[in-house]
Amino acid sequence: MWAEEQAQRCSECGTWDWEWKENPDAWHPDIWRCEGCRRKAELRRHISSEMEMRHASDEDGLQIRMFRTPRED
């Protein structure tokens, strides 16, 4: 049931048609910047500039992931 419901959700904005019919003013667009995505893009630019001096195949399979640092108690 969950998968079926998710398939009806817009992949771009994340809303469903029924939400707009129920309340046309329930959602509004806004600008938001994810700090994690910003840092990944920064690292990607840095790696790309370094890779210019290497072979293109050095990038094969390269992924940038976020890792959580241990919380301080």
PDB file of N, CA and C in Angstrom:
ATOM      1  N   MET A   1       0.819  -1.179   0.000  1.00  0.00           N
ATOM      2  CA  MET A   1       0.000   0.000   0.000  1.00  0.00           C
ATOM      3  C   MET A   1       0.880   1.267   0.000  1.00  0.00           C
ATOM      4  N   TRP A   2       1.940   1.259   0.806  1.00  0.00           N
ATOM      5  CA  TRP A   2       2.836   2.404   0.873  1.00  0.00           C
ATOM      6  C   TRP A   2       3.480   2.663  -0.490  1.00  0.00           C
ATOM      7  N   ALA A   3       3.959   1.592  -1.144  1.00  0.00           N
ATOM      8  CA  ALA A   3       4.618   1.739  -2.446  1.00  0.00           C
ATOM      9  C   ALA A   3       3.650   2.299  -3.483  1.00  0.00           C
ATOM     10  N   GLU A   4       2.411   1.856  -3.439  1.00  0.00           N
ATOM     11  CA  GLU A   4       1.406   2.347  -4.375  1.00  0.00           C
ATOM     12  C   GLU A   4       1.145   3.840  -4.147  1.00  0.00           C
ATOM     13  N   GLU A   5       1.063   4.230  -2.884  1.00  0.00           N
ATOM     14  CA  GLU A   5       0.843   5.639  -2.557  1.00  0.00           C
ATOM     15  C   GLU A   5       2.030   6.484  -3.010  1.00  0.00           C
ATOM     16  N   GLN A   6       3.247   6.000  -2.799  1.00  0.00           N
ATOM     17  CA  GLN A   6       4.439   6.738  -3.197  1.00  0.00           C
ATOM     18  C   GLN A   6       4.516   6.906  -4.711  1.00  0.00           C
ATOM     19  N   ALA A   7       4.015   5.936  -5.461  1.00  0.00           N
ATOM     20  CA  ALA A   7       4.048   6.010  -6.918  1.00  0.00           C
ATOM     21  C   ALA A   7       3.161   7.152  -7.429  1.00  0.00           C
ATOM     22  N   GLN A   8       2.178   7.551  -6.651  1.00  0.00           N
ATOM     23  CA  GLN A   8       1.269   8.629  -7.048  1.00  0.00           C
ATOM     24  C   GLN A   8       1.789   9.998  -6.606  1.00  0.00           C
ATOM     25  N   ARG A   9       2.885  10.014  -5.888  1.00  0.00           N
ATOM     26  CA  ARG A   9       3.484  11.254  -5.395  1.00  0.00           C
ATOM     27  C   ARG A   9       4.359  11.860  -6.494  1.00  0.00           C
ATOM     28  N   CYS A  10       4.307  13.165  -6.659  1.00  0.00           N
ATOM     29  CA  CYS A  10       5.128  13.839  -7.663  1.00  0.00           C
ATOM     30  C   CYS A  10       6.601  13.713  -7.274  1.00  0.00           C
ATOM     31  N   SER A  11       7.413  13.246  -8.192  1.00  0.00           N
ATOM     32  CA  SER A  11       8.840  13.062  -7.899  1.00  0.00           C
ATOM     33  C   SER A  11       9.593  14.389  -7.841  1.00  0.00           C
ATOM     34  N   GLU A  12       9.019  15.435  -8.387  1.00  0.00           N
ATOM     35  CA  GLU A  12       9.672  16.746  -8.386  1.00  0.00           C
ATOM     36  C   GLU A  12       9.399  17.527  -7.105  1.00  0.00           C
ATOM     37  N   CYS A  13       8.119  17.646  -6.728  1.00  0.00           N
ATOM     38  CA  CYS A  13       7.798  18.495  -5.579  1.00  0.00           C
ATOM     39  C   CYS A  13       7.391  17.708  -4.334  1.00  0.00           C
ATOM     40  N   GLY A  14       7.098  16.421  -4.487  1.00  0.00           N
ATOM     41  CA  GLY A  14       6.784  15.587  -3.328  1.00  0.00           C
ATOM     42  C   GLY A  14       5.352  15.669  -2.835  1.00  0.00           C
ATOM     43  N   THR A  15       4.467  16.304  -3.603  1.00  0.00           N
ATOM     44  CA  THR A  15       3.069  16.411  -3.170  1.00  0.00           C
ATOM     45  C   THR A  15       2.196  15.440  -3.954  1.00  0.00           C
ATOM     46  N   TRP A  16       0.983  15.247  -3.457  1.00  0.00           N
ATOM     47  CA  TRP A  16      -0.012  14.407  -4.108  1.00  0.00           C
ATOM     48  C   TRP A  16      -1.136  15.294  -4.637  1.00  0.00           C
ATOM     49  N   ASP A  17      -1.824  14.841  -5.688  1.00  0.00           N
ATOM     50  CA  ASP A  17      -2.969  15.584  -6.234  1.00  0.00           C
ATOM     51  C   ASP A  17      -4.047  15.809  -5.188  1.00  0.00           C
ATOM     52  N   TRP A  18      -4.320  14.802  -4.384  1.00  0.00           N
ATOM     53  CA  TRP A  18      -5.399  14.937  -3.407  1.00  0.00           C
ATOM     54  C   TRP A  18      -5.126  16.059  -2.412  1.00  0.00           C
ATOM     55  N   GLU A  19      -3.847  16.337  -2.136  1.00  0.00           N
ATOM     56  CA  GLU A  19      -3.524  17.424  -1.207  1.00  0.00           C
ATOM     57  C   GLU A  19      -3.947  18.775  -1.781  1.00  0.00           C
ATOM     58  N   TRP A  20      -3.741  18.965  -3.078  1.00  0.00           N
ATOM     59  CA  TRP A  20      -4.104  20.226  -3.719  1.00  0.00           C
ATOM     60  C   TRP A  20      -5.613  20.391  -3.792  1.00  0.00           C
ATOM     61  N   LYS A  21      -6.302  19.286  -4.001  1.00  0.00           N
ATOM     62  CA  LYS A  21      -7.767  19.339  -4.052  1.00  0.00           C
ATOM     63  C   LYS A  21      -8.342  19.622  -2.665  1.00  0.00           C
ATOM     64  N   GLU A  22      -7.717  19.031  -1.656  1.00  0.00           N
ATOM     65  CA  GLU A  22      -8.188  19.204  -0.284  1.00  0.00           C
ATOM     66  C   GLU A  22      -7.936  20.626   0.226  1.00  0.00           C
ATOM     67  N   ASN A  23      -6.734  21.175  -0.065  1.00  0.00           N
ATOM     68  CA  ASN A  23      -6.380  22.514   0.396  1.00  0.00           C
ATOM     69  C   ASN A  23      -5.359  23.106  -0.575  1.00  0.00           C
ATOM     70  N   PRO A  24      -5.809  23.932  -1.518  1.00  0.00           N
ATOM     71  CA  PRO A  24      -4.898  24.506  -2.513  1.00  0.00           C
ATOM     72  C   PRO A  24      -3.789  25.380  -1.924  1.00  0.00           C
ATOM     73  N   ASP A  25      -3.947  25.818  -0.693  1.00  0.00           N
ATOM     74  CA  ASP A  25      -2.936  26.673  -0.070  1.00  0.00           C
ATOM     75  C   ASP A  25      -2.100  25.954   0.979  1.00  0.00           C
ATOM     76  N   ALA A  26      -2.162  24.625   0.990  1.00  0.00           N
ATOM     77  CA  ALA A  26      -1.447  23.856   2.015  1.00  0.00           C
ATOM     78  C   ALA A  26       0.068  23.901   1.822  1.00  0.00           C
ATOM     79  N   TRP A  27       0.526  24.070   0.605  1.00  0.00           N
ATOM     80  CA  TRP A  27       1.963  24.059   0.307  1.00  0.00           C
ATOM     81  C   TRP A  27       2.367  25.366  -0.361  1.00  0.00           C
ATOM     82  N   HIS A  28       3.615  25.742  -0.169  1.00  0.00           N
ATOM     83  CA  HIS A  28       4.183  26.883  -0.886  1.00  0.00           C
ATOM     84  C   HIS A  28       5.651  26.590  -1.155  1.00  0.00           C
ATOM     85  N   PRO A  29       6.168  27.070  -2.279  1.00  0.00           N
ATOM     86  CA  PRO A  29       7.577  26.829  -2.592  1.00  0.00           C
ATOM     87  C   PRO A  29       8.467  27.734  -1.744  1.00  0.00           C
ATOM     88  N   ASP A  30       9.644  27.259  -1.461  1.00  0.00           N
ATOM     89  CA  ASP A  30      10.611  28.028  -0.699  1.00  0.00           C
ATOM     90  C   ASP A  30      12.013  27.578  -1.105  1.00  0.00           C
ATOM     91  N   ILE A  31      12.988  28.381  -0.833  1.00  0.00           N
ATOM     92  CA  ILE A  31      14.383  28.043  -1.142  1.00  0.00           C
ATOM     93  C   ILE A  31      15.037  27.506   0.117  1.00  0.00           C
ATOM     94  N   TRP A  32      15.749  26.424  -0.045  1.00  0.00           N
ATOM     95  CA  TRP A  32      16.435  25.789   1.080  1.00  0.00           C
ATOM     96  C   TRP A  32      17.739  25.225   0.564  1.00  0.00           C
ATOM     97  N   ARG A  33      18.791  25.413   1.311  1.00  0.00           N
ATOM     98  CA  ARG A  33      20.087  24.867   0.914  1.00  0.00           C
ATOM     99  C   ARG A  33      20.519  23.842   1.958  1.00  0.00           C
ATOM    100  N   CYS A  34      20.837  22.673   1.494  1.00  0.00           N
ATOM    101  CA  CYS A  34      21.305  21.604   2.380  1.00  0.00           C
ATOM    102  C   CYS A  34      22.812  21.759   2.565  1.00  0.00           C
ATOM    103  N   GLU A  35      23.256  21.900   3.789  1.00  0.00           N
ATOM    104  CA  GLU A  35      24.682  22.067   4.069  1.00  0.00           C
ATOM    105  C   GLU A  35      25.476  20.828   3.649  1.00  0.00           C
ATOM    106  N   GLY A  36      24.900  19.654   3.854  1.00  0.00           N
ATOM    107  CA  GLY A  36      25.590  18.425   3.439  1.00  0.00           C
ATOM    108  C   GLY A  36      25.802  18.377   1.938  1.00  0.00           C
ATOM    109  N   CYS A  37      24.767  18.741   1.165  1.00  0.00           N
ATOM    110  CA  CYS A  37      24.896  18.748  -0.299  1.00  0.00           C
ATOM    111  C   CYS A  37      25.893  19.808  -0.748  1.00  0.00           C
ATOM    112  N   ARG A  38      25.924  20.951  -0.070  1.00  0.00           N
ATOM    113  CA  ARG A  38      26.884  21.999  -0.410  1.00  0.00           C
ATOM    114  C   ARG A  38      28.316  21.498  -0.215  1.00  0.00           C
ATOM    115  N   ARG A  39      28.544  20.815   0.891  1.00  0.00           N
ATOM    116  CA  ARG A  39      29.889  20.302   1.168  1.00  0.00           C
ATOM    117  C   ARG A  39      30.284  19.203   0.191  1.00  0.00           C
ATOM    118  N   LYS A  40      29.314  18.345  -0.187  1.00  0.00           N
ATOM    119  CA  LYS A  40      29.606  17.314  -1.177  1.00  0.00           C
ATOM    120  C   LYS A  40      29.979  17.951  -2.518  1.00  0.00           C
ATOM    121  N   ALA A  41      29.256  18.983  -2.928  1.00  0.00           N
ATOM    122  CA  ALA A  41      29.549  19.659  -4.193  1.00  0.00           C
ATOM    123  C   ALA A  41      30.927  20.316  -4.146  1.00  0.00           C
ATOM    124  N   GLU A  42      31.267  20.886  -3.003  1.00  0.00           N
ATOM    125  CA  GLU A  42      32.579  21.505  -2.836  1.00  0.00           C
ATOM    126  C   GLU A  42      33.688  20.462  -2.987  1.00  0.00           C
ATOM    127  N   LEU A  43      33.505  19.312  -2.358  1.00  0.00           N
ATOM    128  CA  LEU A  43      34.487  18.237  -2.470  1.00  0.00           C
ATOM    129  C   LEU A  43      34.547  17.712  -3.903  1.00  0.00           C
ATOM    130  N   ARG A  44      33.383  17.598  -4.541  1.00  0.00           N
ATOM    131  CA  ARG A  44      33.347  17.114  -5.923  1.00  0.00           C
ATOM    132  C   ARG A  44      34.139  18.053  -6.841  1.00  0.00           C
ATOM    133  N   ARG A  45      33.990  19.370  -6.655  1.00  0.00           N
ATOM    134  CA  ARG A  45      34.765  20.335  -7.455  1.00  0.00           C
ATOM    135  C   ARG A  45      36.259  20.187  -7.193  1.00  0.00           C
ATOM    136  N   HIS A  46      36.626  20.004  -5.938  1.00  0.00           N
ATOM    137  CA  HIS A  46      38.034  19.835  -5.579  1.00  0.00           C
ATOM    138  C   HIS A  46      38.610  18.573  -6.228  1.00  0.00           C
ATOM    139  N   ILE A  47      37.868  17.477  -6.135  1.00  0.00           N
ATOM    140  CA  ILE A  47      38.324  16.215  -6.725  1.00  0.00           C
ATOM    141  C   ILE A  47      38.436  16.347  -8.239  1.00  0.00           C
ATOM    142  N   SER A  48      37.454  17.010  -8.861  1.00  0.00           N
ATOM    143  CA  SER A  48      37.488  17.177 -10.318  1.00  0.00           C
ATOM    144  C   SER A  48      38.714  17.949 -10.759  1.00  0.00           C
ATOM    145  N   SER A  49      39.078  18.985 -10.007  1.00  0.00           N
ATOM    146  CA  SER A  49      40.267  19.754 -10.386  1.00  0.00           C
ATOM    147  C   SER A  49      41.532  18.914 -10.229  1.00  0.00           C
ATOM    148  N   GLU A  50      41.568  18.044  -9.220  1.00  0.00           N
ATOM    149  CA  GLU A  50      42.719  17.151  -9.064  1.00  0.00           C
ATOM    150  C   GLU A  50      42.744  16.080 -10.137  1.00  0.00           C
ATOM    151  N   MET A  51      41.566  15.601 -10.555  1.00  0.00           N
ATOM    152  CA  MET A  51      41.476  14.530 -11.539  1.00  0.00           C
ATOM    153  C   MET A  51      41.905  14.990 -12.923  1.00  0.00           C
ATOM    154  N   GLU A  52      41.909  16.299 -13.176  1.00  0.00           N
ATOM    155  CA  GLU A  52      42.349  16.799 -14.478  1.00  0.00           C
ATOM    156  C   GLU A  52      43.785  16.374 -14.770  1.00  0.00           C
ATOM    157  N   MET A  53      44.551  16.126 -13.717  1.00  0.00           N
ATOM    158  CA  MET A  53      45.940  15.721 -13.888  1.00  0.00           C
ATOM    159  C   MET A  53      46.076  14.191 -13.924  1.00  0.00           C
ATOM    160  N   ARG A  54      44.986  13.481 -13.767  1.00  0.00           N
ATOM    161  CA  ARG A  54      45.024  12.015 -13.731  1.00  0.00           C
ATOM    162  C   ARG A  54      44.210  11.448 -14.881  1.00  0.00           C
ATOM    163  N   HIS A  55      44.106  10.141 -14.927  1.00  0.00           N
ATOM    164  CA  HIS A  55      43.326   9.457 -15.952  1.00  0.00           C
ATOM    165  C   HIS A  55      41.844   9.506 -15.583  1.00  0.00           C
ATOM    166  N   ALA A  56      40.979   9.590 -16.580  1.00  0.00           N
ATOM    167  CA  ALA A  56      39.539   9.617 -16.345  1.00  0.00           C
ATOM    168  C   ALA A  56      39.065   8.372 -15.600  1.00  0.00           C
ATOM    169  N   SER A  57      39.719   7.245 -15.827  1.00  0.00           N
ATOM    170  CA  SER A  57      39.292   6.002 -15.179  1.00  0.00           C
ATOM    171  C   SER A  57      39.514   6.035 -13.668  1.00  0.00           C
ATOM    172  N   ASP A  58      40.314   6.985 -13.181  1.00  0.00           N
ATOM    173  CA  ASP A  58      40.507   7.114 -11.732  1.00  0.00           C
ATOM    174  C   ASP A  58      39.200   7.483 -11.026  1.00  0.00           C
ATOM    175  N   GLU A  59      38.256   8.062 -11.772  1.00  0.00           N
ATOM    176  CA  GLU A  59      36.969   8.450 -11.192  1.00  0.00           C
ATOM    177  C   GLU A  59      35.944   7.320 -11.234  1.00  0.00           C
ATOM    178  N   ASP A  60      36.227   6.246 -11.940  1.00  0.00           N
ATOM    179  CA  ASP A  60      35.273   5.151 -12.056  1.00  0.00           C
ATOM    180  C   ASP A  60      34.896   4.610 -10.681  1.00  0.00           C
ATOM    181  N   GLY A  61      33.616   4.592 -10.403  1.00  0.00           N
ATOM    182  CA  GLY A  61      33.120   4.050  -9.140  1.00  0.00           C
ATOM    183  C   GLY A  61      33.262   4.981  -7.953  1.00  0.00           C
ATOM    184  N   LEU A  62      33.784   6.169  -8.172  1.00  0.00           N
ATOM    185  CA  LEU A  62      33.985   7.111  -7.072  1.00  0.00           C
ATOM    186  C   LEU A  62      32.646   7.689  -6.621  1.00  0.00           C
ATOM    187  N   GLN A  63      32.366   7.603  -5.331  1.00  0.00           N
ATOM    188  CA  GLN A  63      31.143   8.151  -4.762  1.00  0.00           C
ATOM    189  C   GLN A  63      31.507   9.041  -3.590  1.00  0.00           C
ATOM    190  N   ILE A  64      30.715  10.052  -3.385  1.00  0.00           N
ATOM    191  CA  ILE A  64      30.900  10.915  -2.226  1.00  0.00           C
ATOM    192  C   ILE A  64      29.734  10.646  -1.292  1.00  0.00           C
ATOM    193  N   ARG A  65      30.042  10.237  -0.098  1.00  0.00           N
ATOM    194  CA  ARG A  65      29.015   9.912   0.891  1.00  0.00           C
ATOM    195  C   ARG A  65      29.219  10.754   2.133  1.00  0.00           C
ATOM    196  N   MET A  66      28.179  10.891   2.890  1.00  0.00           N
ATOM    197  CA  MET A  66      28.244  11.623   4.153  1.00  0.00           C
ATOM    198  C   MET A  66      28.369  10.605   5.285  1.00  0.00           C
ATOM    199  N   PHE A  67      29.263  10.869   6.204  1.00  0.00           N
ATOM    200  CA  PHE A  67      29.449   9.998   7.364  1.00  0.00           C
ATOM    201  C   PHE A  67      29.275  10.819   8.627  1.00  0.00           C
ATOM    202  N   ARG A  68      28.556  10.269   9.550  1.00  0.00           N
ATOM    203  CA  ARG A  68      28.270  10.961  10.790  1.00  0.00           C
ATOM    204  C   ARG A  68      29.439  10.831  11.742  1.00  0.00           C
ATOM    205  N   THR A  69      29.833  11.947  12.346  1.00  0.00           N
ATOM    206  CA  THR A  69      30.885  11.889  13.350  1.00  0.00           C
ATOM    207  C   THR A  69      30.241  11.483  14.669  1.00  0.00           C
ATOM    208  N   PRO A  70      30.986  10.794  15.533  1.00  0.00           N
ATOM    209  CA  PRO A  70      30.411  10.370  16.815  1.00  0.00           C
ATOM    210  C   PRO A  70      29.940  11.585  17.621  1.00  0.00           C
ATOM    211  N   ARG A  71      28.787  11.446  18.233  1.00  0.00           N
ATOM    212  CA  ARG A  71      28.267  12.536  19.056  1.00  0.00           C
ATOM    213  C   ARG A  71      29.038  12.632  20.352  1.00  0.00           C
ATOM    214  N   GLU A  72      29.226  13.854  20.795  1.00  0.00           N
ATOM    215  CA  GLU A  72      29.877  14.065  22.072  1.00  0.00           C
ATOM    216  C   GLU A  72      28.812  14.123  23.160  1.00  0.00           C
ATOM    217  N   ASP A  73      28.968  13.315  24.186  1.00  0.00           N
ATOM    218  CA  ASP A  73      27.967  13.306  25.262  1.00  0.00           C
ATOM    219  C   ASP A  73      28.345  14.198  26.395  1.00  0.00           C
TER     220      ASP A  73
END
